[in-house]
Amino acid sequence: MVGSAEIWVEPFGDGAILHYYLRGDPTVSEADATARTMTDSPRGRRAADRLRRRHALRWKQNVWALKVELEEGRPPGSGEW
């Protein structure tokens, strides 16, 4: 995938909300950073949806793992760090 991403943190209560916005295009191959054109057909839209889901799931897994590590042993809503 080639493109750009925005990440920002919004303070909320005694914690934060992490926002993530990805703009990307699939690439020709893993080794080639040339953007690949997706056809505007049901098959092309399904392929784009699968790619979006795969990247979103990977992002969420990594962010939740970081959250668990950073908040280890901290009671929710306690304000303790």
C-alpha atoms as a PDB file:
ATOM      1  CA  MET A   1       0.000   0.000   0.000  1.00  0.00           C
ATOM      2  CA  VAL A   2       1.220   3.490  -0.800  1.00  0.00           C
ATOM      3  CA  GLY A   3      -0.310   6.703   0.558  1.00  0.00           C
ATOM      4  CA  SER A   4      -0.384   8.728   3.746  1.00  0.00           C
ATOM      5  CA  ALA A   5      -1.847   8.530   7.233  1.00  0.00           C
ATOM      6  CA  GLU A   6      -2.895  10.940   9.966  1.00  0.00           C
ATOM      7  CA  ILE A   7      -2.734  10.015  13.636  1.00  0.00           C
ATOM      8  CA  TRP A   8      -3.837  12.310  16.433  1.00  0.00           C
ATOM      9  CA  VAL A   9      -4.588  11.956  20.134  1.00  0.00           C
ATOM     10  CA  GLU A  10      -7.592  13.605  21.772  1.00  0.00           C
ATOM     11  CA  PRO A  11      -7.594  13.939  25.582  1.00  0.00           C
ATOM     12  CA  PHE A  12     -10.722  12.343  27.066  1.00  0.00           C
ATOM     13  CA  GLY A  13     -11.484  11.937  30.759  1.00  0.00           C
ATOM     14  CA  ASP A  14      -8.383  10.535  32.445  1.00  0.00           C
ATOM     15  CA  GLY A  15      -7.235   8.962  29.171  1.00  0.00           C
ATOM     16  CA  ALA A  16      -7.225   9.664  25.467  1.00  0.00           C
ATOM     17  CA  ILE A  17      -8.899   8.752  22.186  1.00  0.00           C
ATOM     18  CA  LEU A  18      -6.562   7.800  19.357  1.00  0.00           C
ATOM     19  CA  HIS A  19      -7.735   8.786  15.866  1.00  0.00           C
ATOM     20  CA  TYR A  20      -6.302   7.252  12.704  1.00  0.00           C
ATOM     21  CA  TYR A  21      -7.053   8.141   9.089  1.00  0.00           C
ATOM     22  CA  LEU A  22      -5.453   6.219   6.223  1.00  0.00           C
ATOM     23  CA  ARG A  23      -5.448   7.244   2.574  1.00  0.00           C
ATOM     24  CA  GLY A  24      -3.864   4.566   0.480  1.00  0.00           C
ATOM     25  CA  ASP A  25      -3.798   2.725  -2.777  1.00  0.00           C
ATOM     26  CA  PRO A  26      -2.829  -0.897  -3.276  1.00  0.00           C
ATOM     27  CA  THR A  27       0.543  -1.522  -4.876  1.00  0.00           C
ATOM     28  CA  VAL A  28       1.503  -3.699  -7.808  1.00  0.00           C
ATOM     29  CA  SER A  29       3.421  -6.043  -5.475  1.00  0.00           C
ATOM     30  CA  GLU A  30       4.906  -6.130  -1.972  1.00  0.00           C
ATOM     31  CA  ALA A  31       8.309  -5.114  -3.362  1.00  0.00           C
ATOM     32  CA  ASP A  32       7.037  -2.447  -5.786  1.00  0.00           C
ATOM     33  CA  ALA A  33       5.659   0.854  -4.447  1.00  0.00           C
ATOM     34  CA  THR A  34       3.840   1.620  -7.713  1.00  0.00           C
ATOM     35  CA  ALA A  35       0.125   2.181  -7.128  1.00  0.00           C
ATOM     36  CA  ARG A  36      -2.152  -0.419  -8.700  1.00  0.00           C
ATOM     37  CA  THR A  37      -5.417   0.638 -10.302  1.00  0.00           C
ATOM     38  CA  MET A  38      -8.489  -1.071  -8.882  1.00  0.00           C
ATOM     39  CA  THR A  39     -11.268  -1.684 -11.385  1.00  0.00           C
ATOM     40  CA  ASP A  40     -14.652  -0.107 -10.698  1.00  0.00           C
ATOM     41  CA  SER A  41     -16.449  -3.421 -10.717  1.00  0.00           C
ATOM     42  CA  PRO A  42     -17.916  -5.648  -8.018  1.00  0.00           C
ATOM     43  CA  ARG A  43     -14.695  -7.682  -8.016  1.00  0.00           C
ATOM     44  CA  GLY A  44     -12.515  -4.554  -7.716  1.00  0.00           C
ATOM     45  CA  ARG A  45     -14.656  -3.140  -4.902  1.00  0.00           C
ATOM     46  CA  ARG A  46     -14.494  -6.454  -3.006  1.00  0.00           C
ATOM     47  CA  ALA A  47     -10.699  -6.497  -3.362  1.00  0.00           C
ATOM     48  CA  ALA A  48     -10.489  -2.905  -2.070  1.00  0.00           C
ATOM     49  CA  ASP A  49     -12.793  -3.778   0.853  1.00  0.00           C
ATOM     50  CA  ARG A  50     -10.635  -6.788   1.786  1.00  0.00           C
ATOM     51  CA  LEU A  51      -7.510  -4.616   1.710  1.00  0.00           C
ATOM     52  CA  ARG A  52      -9.150  -1.943   3.897  1.00  0.00           C
ATOM     53  CA  ARG A  53     -10.350  -4.532   6.414  1.00  0.00           C
ATOM     54  CA  ARG A  54      -6.931  -6.199   6.576  1.00  0.00           C
ATOM     55  CA  HIS A  55      -5.139  -2.910   7.303  1.00  0.00           C
ATOM     56  CA  ALA A  56      -7.790  -1.732   9.783  1.00  0.00           C
ATOM     57  CA  LEU A  57      -7.625  -5.010  11.703  1.00  0.00           C
ATOM     58  CA  ARG A  58      -3.815  -4.937  11.838  1.00  0.00           C
ATOM     59  CA  TRP A  59      -3.902  -1.322  13.081  1.00  0.00           C
ATOM     60  CA  LYS A  60      -6.461  -2.125  15.788  1.00  0.00           C
ATOM     61  CA  GLN A  61      -4.527  -5.178  16.990  1.00  0.00           C
ATOM     62  CA  ASN A  62      -1.330  -3.129  17.355  1.00  0.00           C
ATOM     63  CA  VAL A  63      -3.024  -0.186  19.094  1.00  0.00           C
ATOM     64  CA  TRP A  64      -4.874  -2.439  21.553  1.00  0.00           C
ATOM     65  CA  ALA A  65      -1.644  -4.311  22.340  1.00  0.00           C
ATOM     66  CA  LEU A  66       0.054  -0.971  23.078  1.00  0.00           C
ATOM     67  CA  LYS A  67      -2.892   0.110  25.273  1.00  0.00           C
ATOM     68  CA  VAL A  68      -2.707  -3.118  27.289  1.00  0.00           C
ATOM     69  CA  GLU A  69       1.047  -2.691  27.765  1.00  0.00           C
ATOM     70  CA  LEU A  70       0.825   0.983  28.792  1.00  0.00           C
ATOM     71  CA  GLU A  71      -2.118   0.503  31.168  1.00  0.00           C
ATOM     72  CA  GLU A  72      -0.938  -2.753  32.752  1.00  0.00           C
ATOM     73  CA  GLY A  73      -2.209  -2.883  36.328  1.00  0.00           C
ATOM     74  CA  ARG A  74      -3.942   0.516  36.143  1.00  0.00           C
ATOM     75  CA  PRO A  75      -7.580   0.455  37.289  1.00  0.00           C
ATOM     76  CA  PRO A  76      -9.923   2.081  34.713  1.00  0.00           C
ATOM     77  CA  GLY A  77     -10.989   5.608  35.631  1.00  0.00           C
ATOM     78  CA  SER A  78      -8.503   5.832  38.503  1.00  0.00           C
ATOM     79  CA  GLY A  79      -6.464   8.730  37.128  1.00  0.00           C
ATOM     80  CA  GLU A  80      -3.325   6.858  38.237  1.00  0.00           C
ATOM     81  CA  TRP A  81      -0.286   6.538  36.000  1.00  0.00           C
END
